Amino acid sequence: MRVARWVAPVTLALSVAGLAVSVYLTIAHFTNPELLVCSDSGTVNCEAVTTSAQSTFLGIPVALLGLLWFVAMVVLCLPMAWNAASRNVHLLRLAAAIGGIGFVLWLVYAELVIIGAICVWCTVAHVLAFALFIVVVLTAQDLLSEG
């Protein structure tokens, strides 16, 4: 069974949009957090979030991890990946979506509870990852039950 015609272009668009946001966040991380067009005071404070201790995971910038995750999702959401005969491709896409949203939940917790500030750009990446997760999970059962 193939997925609905809209699934591949929608997931690819979500992945590419997330990749663009992640590239922006990664550039800001490695150059200057003031590059982020975002508030730097109050509850919405991109600089506080992107320079916090939680902006790295095991010494790796979270922005870079997001960039790498979205690159993987771009590949896994290409039309040929959605049409792959191998069940492993669909399992890998599902596992990546689940792992990604798990990390997003941690990051949202870190923003709201630990840091006490929200980054608008991070939130955009989180929303894109969540939308991608929803579409992948909703289509996974049909794809995986064929095996």
N, C-alpha and C. Protein backbone atom coordinates (compact mmCIF):
# COMPACT_ATOMS: atom_id res chain seq x y z
N MET A 1 0.84 -1.19 0.00
CA MET A 1 0.00 0.00 0.00
C MET A 1 0.88 1.25 0.00
N ARG A 2 0.48 2.19 -0.74
CA ARG A 2 1.20 3.46 -0.77
C ARG A 2 0.46 4.47 0.10
N VAL A 3 1.18 5.47 0.52
CA VAL A 3 0.56 6.53 1.32
C VAL A 3 -0.20 7.48 0.40
N ALA A 4 -1.06 8.27 0.98
CA ALA A 4 -1.79 9.28 0.21
C ALA A 4 -0.80 10.20 -0.51
N ARG A 5 -1.22 10.72 -1.63
CA ARG A 5 -0.34 11.54 -2.47
C ARG A 5 0.23 12.76 -1.75
N TRP A 6 -0.49 13.28 -0.78
CA TRP A 6 -0.07 14.50 -0.10
C TRP A 6 1.03 14.25 0.93
N VAL A 7 1.20 13.01 1.37
CA VAL A 7 2.10 12.72 2.49
C VAL A 7 3.55 13.07 2.16
N ALA A 8 4.07 12.60 1.04
CA ALA A 8 5.47 12.86 0.70
C ALA A 8 5.76 14.36 0.56
N PRO A 9 4.97 15.11 -0.22
CA PRO A 9 5.29 16.54 -0.34
C PRO A 9 5.13 17.32 0.97
N VAL A 10 4.15 16.94 1.77
CA VAL A 10 3.93 17.66 3.04
C VAL A 10 5.08 17.38 4.00
N THR A 11 5.45 16.10 4.16
CA THR A 11 6.53 15.78 5.09
C THR A 11 7.88 16.33 4.59
N LEU A 12 8.06 16.33 3.28
CA LEU A 12 9.29 16.90 2.74
C LEU A 12 9.34 18.40 2.98
N ALA A 13 8.22 19.08 2.78
CA ALA A 13 8.16 20.53 3.03
C ALA A 13 8.40 20.84 4.50
N LEU A 14 7.80 20.08 5.40
CA LEU A 14 8.03 20.28 6.84
C LEU A 14 9.50 20.06 7.19
N SER A 15 10.10 19.04 6.60
CA SER A 15 11.51 18.73 6.87
C SER A 15 12.43 19.82 6.35
N VAL A 16 12.16 20.31 5.15
CA VAL A 16 13.00 21.37 4.56
C VAL A 16 12.84 22.66 5.35
N ALA A 17 11.63 22.98 5.76
CA ALA A 17 11.40 24.18 6.58
C ALA A 17 12.14 24.06 7.91
N GLY A 18 12.06 22.89 8.54
CA GLY A 18 12.79 22.67 9.79
C GLY A 18 14.29 22.75 9.59
N LEU A 19 14.76 22.25 8.46
CA LEU A 19 16.18 22.33 8.14
C LEU A 19 16.62 23.79 8.01
N ALA A 20 15.82 24.60 7.36
CA ALA A 20 16.15 26.03 7.20
C ALA A 20 16.23 26.73 8.55
N VAL A 21 15.27 26.48 9.42
CA VAL A 21 15.28 27.08 10.76
C VAL A 21 16.49 26.59 11.54
N SER A 22 16.81 25.31 11.43
CA SER A 22 17.95 24.75 12.15
C SER A 22 19.28 25.29 11.64
N VAL A 23 19.37 25.53 10.35
CA VAL A 23 20.58 26.15 9.79
C VAL A 23 20.76 27.54 10.40
N TYR A 24 19.68 28.30 10.45
CA TYR A 24 19.70 29.65 11.04
C TYR A 24 20.14 29.60 12.51
N LEU A 25 19.55 28.69 13.27
CA LEU A 25 19.91 28.56 14.69
C LEU A 25 21.36 28.10 14.85
N THR A 26 21.82 27.22 13.99
CA THR A 26 23.20 26.73 14.06
C THR A 26 24.20 27.84 13.73
N ILE A 27 23.89 28.62 12.71
CA ILE A 27 24.76 29.75 12.37
C ILE A 27 24.83 30.72 13.54
N ALA A 28 23.68 31.04 14.13
CA ALA A 28 23.66 31.94 15.28
C ALA A 28 24.45 31.37 16.45
N HIS A 29 24.35 30.05 16.66
CA HIS A 29 25.08 29.42 17.76
C HIS A 29 26.59 29.57 17.59
N PHE A 30 27.07 29.32 16.38
CA PHE A 30 28.51 29.33 16.15
C PHE A 30 29.09 30.71 15.87
N THR A 31 28.23 31.71 15.62
CA THR A 31 28.75 33.04 15.35
C THR A 31 28.35 34.01 16.46
N ASN A 32 27.07 34.41 16.47
CA ASN A 32 26.63 35.42 17.41
C ASN A 32 25.13 35.25 17.68
N PRO A 33 24.75 34.94 18.91
CA PRO A 33 23.33 34.76 19.21
C PRO A 33 22.49 36.01 18.94
N GLU A 34 23.14 37.16 18.84
CA GLU A 34 22.41 38.38 18.56
C GLU A 34 21.92 38.42 17.11
N LEU A 35 22.36 37.47 16.28
CA LEU A 35 21.86 37.36 14.91
C LEU A 35 20.39 36.96 14.87
N LEU A 36 19.93 36.33 15.94
CA LEU A 36 18.55 35.87 15.99
C LEU A 36 17.61 37.07 16.09
N VAL A 37 16.70 37.16 15.14
CA VAL A 37 15.72 38.23 15.16
C VAL A 37 14.63 37.78 16.13
N CYS A 38 14.81 38.18 17.38
CA CYS A 38 13.93 37.72 18.45
C CYS A 38 14.17 38.59 19.67
N SER A 39 13.19 38.64 20.52
CA SER A 39 13.31 39.40 21.76
C SER A 39 14.49 38.86 22.58
N ASP A 40 15.11 39.75 23.33
CA ASP A 40 16.19 39.30 24.23
C ASP A 40 15.89 39.67 25.67
N SER A 41 14.62 39.80 25.99
CA SER A 41 14.23 40.07 27.38
C SER A 41 12.83 39.53 27.62
N GLY A 42 12.55 39.22 28.87
CA GLY A 42 11.24 38.71 29.23
C GLY A 42 11.10 37.22 28.95
N THR A 43 9.87 36.78 28.83
CA THR A 43 9.59 35.36 28.62
C THR A 43 10.07 34.90 27.26
N VAL A 44 9.89 35.73 26.25
CA VAL A 44 10.41 35.40 24.92
C VAL A 44 11.81 35.98 24.84
N ASN A 45 12.80 35.08 24.91
CA ASN A 45 14.19 35.52 24.97
C ASN A 45 15.07 34.47 24.28
N CYS A 46 15.24 34.63 22.98
CA CYS A 46 16.01 33.65 22.21
C CYS A 46 17.45 33.55 22.69
N GLU A 47 18.03 34.68 23.02
CA GLU A 47 19.43 34.65 23.45
C GLU A 47 19.60 33.86 24.74
N ALA A 48 18.69 34.04 25.70
CA ALA A 48 18.78 33.29 26.96
C ALA A 48 18.69 31.79 26.70
N VAL A 49 17.81 31.39 25.78
CA VAL A 49 17.63 29.98 25.48
C VAL A 49 18.83 29.42 24.73
N THR A 50 19.26 30.12 23.69
CA THR A 50 20.32 29.59 22.83
C THR A 50 21.72 29.69 23.42
N THR A 51 21.85 30.39 24.54
CA THR A 51 23.16 30.44 25.21
C THR A 51 23.13 29.75 26.57
N SER A 52 22.01 29.13 26.91
CA SER A 52 21.89 28.46 28.21
C SER A 52 22.70 27.17 28.23
N ALA A 53 22.83 26.60 29.41
CA ALA A 53 23.51 25.32 29.55
C ALA A 53 22.78 24.22 28.78
N GLN A 54 21.48 24.40 28.60
CA GLN A 54 20.67 23.41 27.89
C GLN A 54 20.78 23.53 26.37
N SER A 55 21.56 24.50 25.89
CA SER A 55 21.72 24.67 24.44
C SER A 55 22.73 23.69 23.86
N THR A 56 23.32 22.87 24.73
CA THR A 56 24.19 21.79 24.26
C THR A 56 23.74 20.48 24.91
N PHE A 57 24.02 19.39 24.21
CA PHE A 57 23.71 18.06 24.72
C PHE A 57 24.94 17.20 24.48
N LEU A 58 25.54 16.73 25.56
CA LEU A 58 26.80 15.97 25.48
C LEU A 58 27.87 16.75 24.73
N GLY A 59 27.87 18.06 24.95
CA GLY A 59 28.86 18.93 24.32
C GLY A 59 28.56 19.33 22.89
N ILE A 60 27.45 18.86 22.35
CA ILE A 60 27.07 19.17 20.97
C ILE A 60 25.95 20.20 21.00
N PRO A 61 26.07 21.27 20.22
CA PRO A 61 24.99 22.26 20.20
C PRO A 61 23.66 21.63 19.77
N VAL A 62 22.62 21.93 20.50
CA VAL A 62 21.28 21.41 20.19
C VAL A 62 20.86 21.85 18.79
N ALA A 63 21.24 23.06 18.40
CA ALA A 63 20.90 23.55 17.05
C ALA A 63 21.51 22.64 15.99
N LEU A 64 22.73 22.20 16.20
CA LEU A 64 23.38 21.29 15.24
C LEU A 64 22.70 19.93 15.23
N LEU A 65 22.31 19.45 16.41
CA LEU A 65 21.57 18.18 16.47
C LEU A 65 20.26 18.29 15.70
N GLY A 66 19.57 19.42 15.86
CA GLY A 66 18.34 19.65 15.12
C GLY A 66 18.58 19.68 13.62
N LEU A 67 19.66 20.34 13.23
CA LEU A 67 20.01 20.40 11.82
C LEU A 67 20.24 18.99 11.27
N LEU A 68 21.01 18.19 11.97
CA LEU A 68 21.29 16.82 11.52
C LEU A 68 20.02 15.98 11.48
N TRP A 69 19.15 16.16 12.46
CA TRP A 69 17.88 15.41 12.49
C TRP A 69 17.01 15.79 11.29
N PHE A 70 16.92 17.09 11.01
CA PHE A 70 16.11 17.51 9.87
C PHE A 70 16.73 17.06 8.54
N VAL A 71 18.05 17.00 8.45
CA VAL A 71 18.68 16.45 7.23
C VAL A 71 18.25 15.00 7.05
N ALA A 72 18.31 14.23 8.13
CA ALA A 72 17.89 12.83 8.06
C ALA A 72 16.42 12.72 7.67
N MET A 73 15.58 13.60 8.22
CA MET A 73 14.16 13.55 7.90
C MET A 73 13.90 13.97 6.46
N VAL A 74 14.69 14.90 5.93
CA VAL A 74 14.55 15.26 4.51
C VAL A 74 14.76 14.01 3.65
N VAL A 75 15.82 13.27 3.95
CA VAL A 75 16.12 12.06 3.18
C VAL A 75 15.01 11.02 3.36
N LEU A 76 14.57 10.82 4.59
CA LEU A 76 13.54 9.82 4.87
C LEU A 76 12.15 10.22 4.37
N CYS A 77 11.97 11.48 4.02
CA CYS A 77 10.68 11.94 3.54
C CYS A 77 10.68 12.25 2.04
N LEU A 78 11.75 11.91 1.36
CA LEU A 78 11.74 12.03 -0.09
C LEU A 78 10.69 11.08 -0.66
N PRO A 79 10.08 11.43 -1.77
CA PRO A 79 9.07 10.53 -2.35
C PRO A 79 9.57 9.09 -2.54
N MET A 80 10.82 8.93 -2.97
CA MET A 80 11.33 7.56 -3.16
C MET A 80 11.44 6.81 -1.84
N ALA A 81 11.67 7.52 -0.73
CA ALA A 81 11.72 6.85 0.57
C ALA A 81 10.32 6.43 1.00
N TRP A 82 9.32 7.27 0.71
CA TRP A 82 7.94 6.90 1.05
C TRP A 82 7.47 5.72 0.22
N ASN A 83 8.02 5.58 -0.99
CA ASN A 83 7.63 4.48 -1.87
C ASN A 83 8.55 3.26 -1.75
N ALA A 84 9.48 3.30 -0.82
CA ALA A 84 10.43 2.21 -0.66
C ALA A 84 9.73 0.90 -0.34
N ALA A 85 10.22 -0.16 -0.95
CA ALA A 85 9.66 -1.48 -0.69
C ALA A 85 10.14 -2.03 0.66
N SER A 86 11.29 -1.57 1.10
CA SER A 86 11.87 -2.07 2.35
C SER A 86 11.12 -1.51 3.56
N ARG A 87 10.69 -2.40 4.40
CA ARG A 87 10.01 -2.01 5.63
C ARG A 87 10.96 -1.24 6.56
N ASN A 88 12.25 -1.51 6.44
CA ASN A 88 13.25 -0.86 7.30
C ASN A 88 13.27 0.66 7.11
N VAL A 89 13.03 1.13 5.89
CA VAL A 89 13.00 2.57 5.65
C VAL A 89 11.86 3.20 6.45
N HIS A 90 10.72 2.55 6.45
CA HIS A 90 9.55 3.08 7.16
C HIS A 90 9.74 2.98 8.67
N LEU A 91 10.38 1.92 9.11
CA LEU A 91 10.69 1.79 10.54
C LEU A 91 11.69 2.85 10.98
N LEU A 92 12.69 3.11 10.16
CA LEU A 92 13.69 4.12 10.48
C LEU A 92 13.05 5.51 10.55
N ARG A 93 12.16 5.81 9.61
CA ARG A 93 11.46 7.11 9.61
C ARG A 93 10.64 7.24 10.89
N LEU A 94 9.92 6.18 11.25
CA LEU A 94 9.11 6.21 12.46
C LEU A 94 9.98 6.37 13.71
N ALA A 95 11.05 5.62 13.78
CA ALA A 95 11.95 5.71 14.94
C ALA A 95 12.56 7.11 15.04
N ALA A 96 12.94 7.68 13.91
CA ALA A 96 13.51 9.02 13.91
C ALA A 96 12.48 10.05 14.37
N ALA A 97 11.25 9.90 13.91
CA ALA A 97 10.19 10.83 14.31
C ALA A 97 9.91 10.74 15.80
N ILE A 98 9.87 9.53 16.32
CA ILE A 98 9.63 9.33 17.75
C ILE A 98 10.80 9.88 18.58
N GLY A 99 12.01 9.56 18.17
CA GLY A 99 13.19 10.09 18.87
C GLY A 99 13.24 11.60 18.83
N GLY A 100 12.92 12.16 17.68
CA GLY A 100 12.94 13.62 17.53
C GLY A 100 11.93 14.30 18.43
N ILE A 101 10.72 13.76 18.48
CA ILE A 101 9.70 14.40 19.31
C ILE A 101 10.00 14.20 20.80
N GLY A 102 10.63 13.11 21.14
CA GLY A 102 11.06 12.91 22.53
C GLY A 102 12.06 13.98 22.94
N PHE A 103 12.99 14.28 22.05
CA PHE A 103 13.98 15.32 22.33
C PHE A 103 13.31 16.69 22.38
N VAL A 104 12.36 16.93 21.49
CA VAL A 104 11.62 18.20 21.49
C VAL A 104 10.90 18.39 22.82
N LEU A 105 10.28 17.33 23.33
CA LEU A 105 9.58 17.45 24.62
C LEU A 105 10.55 17.84 25.74
N TRP A 106 11.75 17.26 25.72
CA TRP A 106 12.77 17.64 26.70
C TRP A 106 13.13 19.12 26.54
N LEU A 107 13.32 19.56 25.30
CA LEU A 107 13.72 20.94 25.05
C LEU A 107 12.64 21.94 25.48
N VAL A 108 11.40 21.60 25.23
CA VAL A 108 10.29 22.47 25.66
C VAL A 108 10.26 22.53 27.18
N TYR A 109 10.43 21.40 27.84
CA TYR A 109 10.51 21.38 29.31
C TYR A 109 11.66 22.28 29.78
N ALA A 110 12.82 22.13 29.15
CA ALA A 110 13.98 22.93 29.53
C ALA A 110 13.69 24.42 29.38
N GLU A 111 13.05 24.79 28.27
CA GLU A 111 12.72 26.20 28.06
C GLU A 111 11.77 26.72 29.13
N LEU A 112 10.68 25.99 29.35
CA LEU A 112 9.64 26.47 30.25
C LEU A 112 10.00 26.38 31.72
N VAL A 113 10.64 25.29 32.12
CA VAL A 113 10.88 25.04 33.54
C VAL A 113 12.29 25.43 33.99
N ILE A 114 13.30 25.02 33.25
CA ILE A 114 14.67 25.26 33.70
C ILE A 114 15.14 26.67 33.35
N ILE A 115 14.97 27.06 32.08
CA ILE A 115 15.46 28.36 31.62
C ILE A 115 14.48 29.47 31.96
N GLY A 116 13.20 29.18 31.86
CA GLY A 116 12.18 30.19 32.13
C GLY A 116 12.03 31.19 31.00
N ALA A 117 12.39 30.78 29.79
CA ALA A 117 12.26 31.64 28.61
C ALA A 117 12.00 30.75 27.40
N ILE A 118 11.42 31.38 26.38
CA ILE A 118 11.09 30.66 25.15
C ILE A 118 11.80 31.33 23.99
N CYS A 119 12.33 30.53 23.10
CA CYS A 119 12.94 31.02 21.86
C CYS A 119 11.92 30.81 20.74
N VAL A 120 11.57 31.88 20.04
CA VAL A 120 10.59 31.80 18.97
C VAL A 120 11.07 30.87 17.86
N TRP A 121 12.34 30.98 17.48
CA TRP A 121 12.89 30.15 16.41
C TRP A 121 12.92 28.67 16.81
N CYS A 122 13.25 28.42 18.05
CA CYS A 122 13.22 27.04 18.55
C CYS A 122 11.80 26.50 18.52
N THR A 123 10.85 27.34 18.90
CA THR A 123 9.45 26.93 18.89
C THR A 123 8.98 26.60 17.48
N VAL A 124 9.42 27.37 16.50
CA VAL A 124 9.08 27.06 15.11
C VAL A 124 9.62 25.69 14.74
N ALA A 125 10.87 25.41 15.08
CA ALA A 125 11.46 24.09 14.80
C ALA A 125 10.68 22.99 15.53
N HIS A 126 10.27 23.25 16.76
CA HIS A 126 9.52 22.26 17.54
C HIS A 126 8.16 21.97 16.90
N VAL A 127 7.48 23.01 16.46
CA VAL A 127 6.17 22.84 15.82
C VAL A 127 6.31 22.05 14.52
N LEU A 128 7.33 22.36 13.74
CA LEU A 128 7.57 21.62 12.49
C LEU A 128 7.87 20.15 12.79
N ALA A 129 8.69 19.89 13.81
CA ALA A 129 9.01 18.51 14.20
C ALA A 129 7.75 17.79 14.68
N PHE A 130 6.90 18.49 15.43
CA PHE A 130 5.67 17.88 15.92
C PHE A 130 4.72 17.54 14.76
N ALA A 131 4.58 18.46 13.82
CA ALA A 131 3.72 18.20 12.66
C ALA A 131 4.26 17.02 11.86
N LEU A 132 5.54 16.96 11.70
CA LEU A 132 6.18 15.84 10.99
C LEU A 132 5.93 14.53 11.73
N PHE A 133 6.08 14.56 13.03
CA PHE A 133 5.81 13.39 13.87
C PHE A 133 4.38 12.90 13.68
N ILE A 134 3.42 13.80 13.70
CA ILE A 134 2.00 13.44 13.56
C ILE A 134 1.76 12.73 12.22
N VAL A 135 2.25 13.32 11.14
CA VAL A 135 2.02 12.71 9.82
C VAL A 135 2.70 11.35 9.72
N VAL A 136 3.93 11.26 10.20
CA VAL A 136 4.66 9.98 10.12
C VAL A 136 3.96 8.91 10.94
N VAL A 137 3.54 9.23 12.14
CA VAL A 137 2.87 8.25 13.00
C VAL A 137 1.52 7.83 12.40
N LEU A 138 0.78 8.78 11.86
CA LEU A 138 -0.53 8.46 11.29
C LEU A 138 -0.43 7.58 10.04
N THR A 139 0.68 7.66 9.34
CA THR A 139 0.84 6.85 8.12
C THR A 139 1.60 5.55 8.39
N ALA A 140 2.25 5.44 9.53
CA ALA A 140 3.11 4.29 9.81
C ALA A 140 2.35 2.99 9.90
N GLN A 141 1.20 2.99 10.50
CA GLN A 141 0.46 1.73 10.71
C GLN A 141 0.14 1.07 9.37
N ASP A 142 -0.33 1.83 8.41
CA ASP A 142 -0.65 1.25 7.10
C ASP A 142 0.59 0.72 6.41
N LEU A 143 1.67 1.48 6.48
CA LEU A 143 2.91 1.06 5.80
C LEU A 143 3.53 -0.17 6.45
N LEU A 144 3.51 -0.21 7.77
CA LEU A 144 4.18 -1.30 8.48
C LEU A 144 3.33 -2.57 8.55
N SER A 145 2.04 -2.44 8.41
CA SER A 145 1.19 -3.63 8.48
C SER A 145 1.21 -4.45 7.19
N GLU A 146 1.76 -3.88 6.15
CA GLU A 146 1.85 -4.57 4.87
C GLU A 146 2.86 -5.70 4.88
N GLY A 147 3.92 -5.51 5.72
CA GLY A 147 5.06 -6.43 5.72
C GLY A 147 4.64 -7.83 5.86
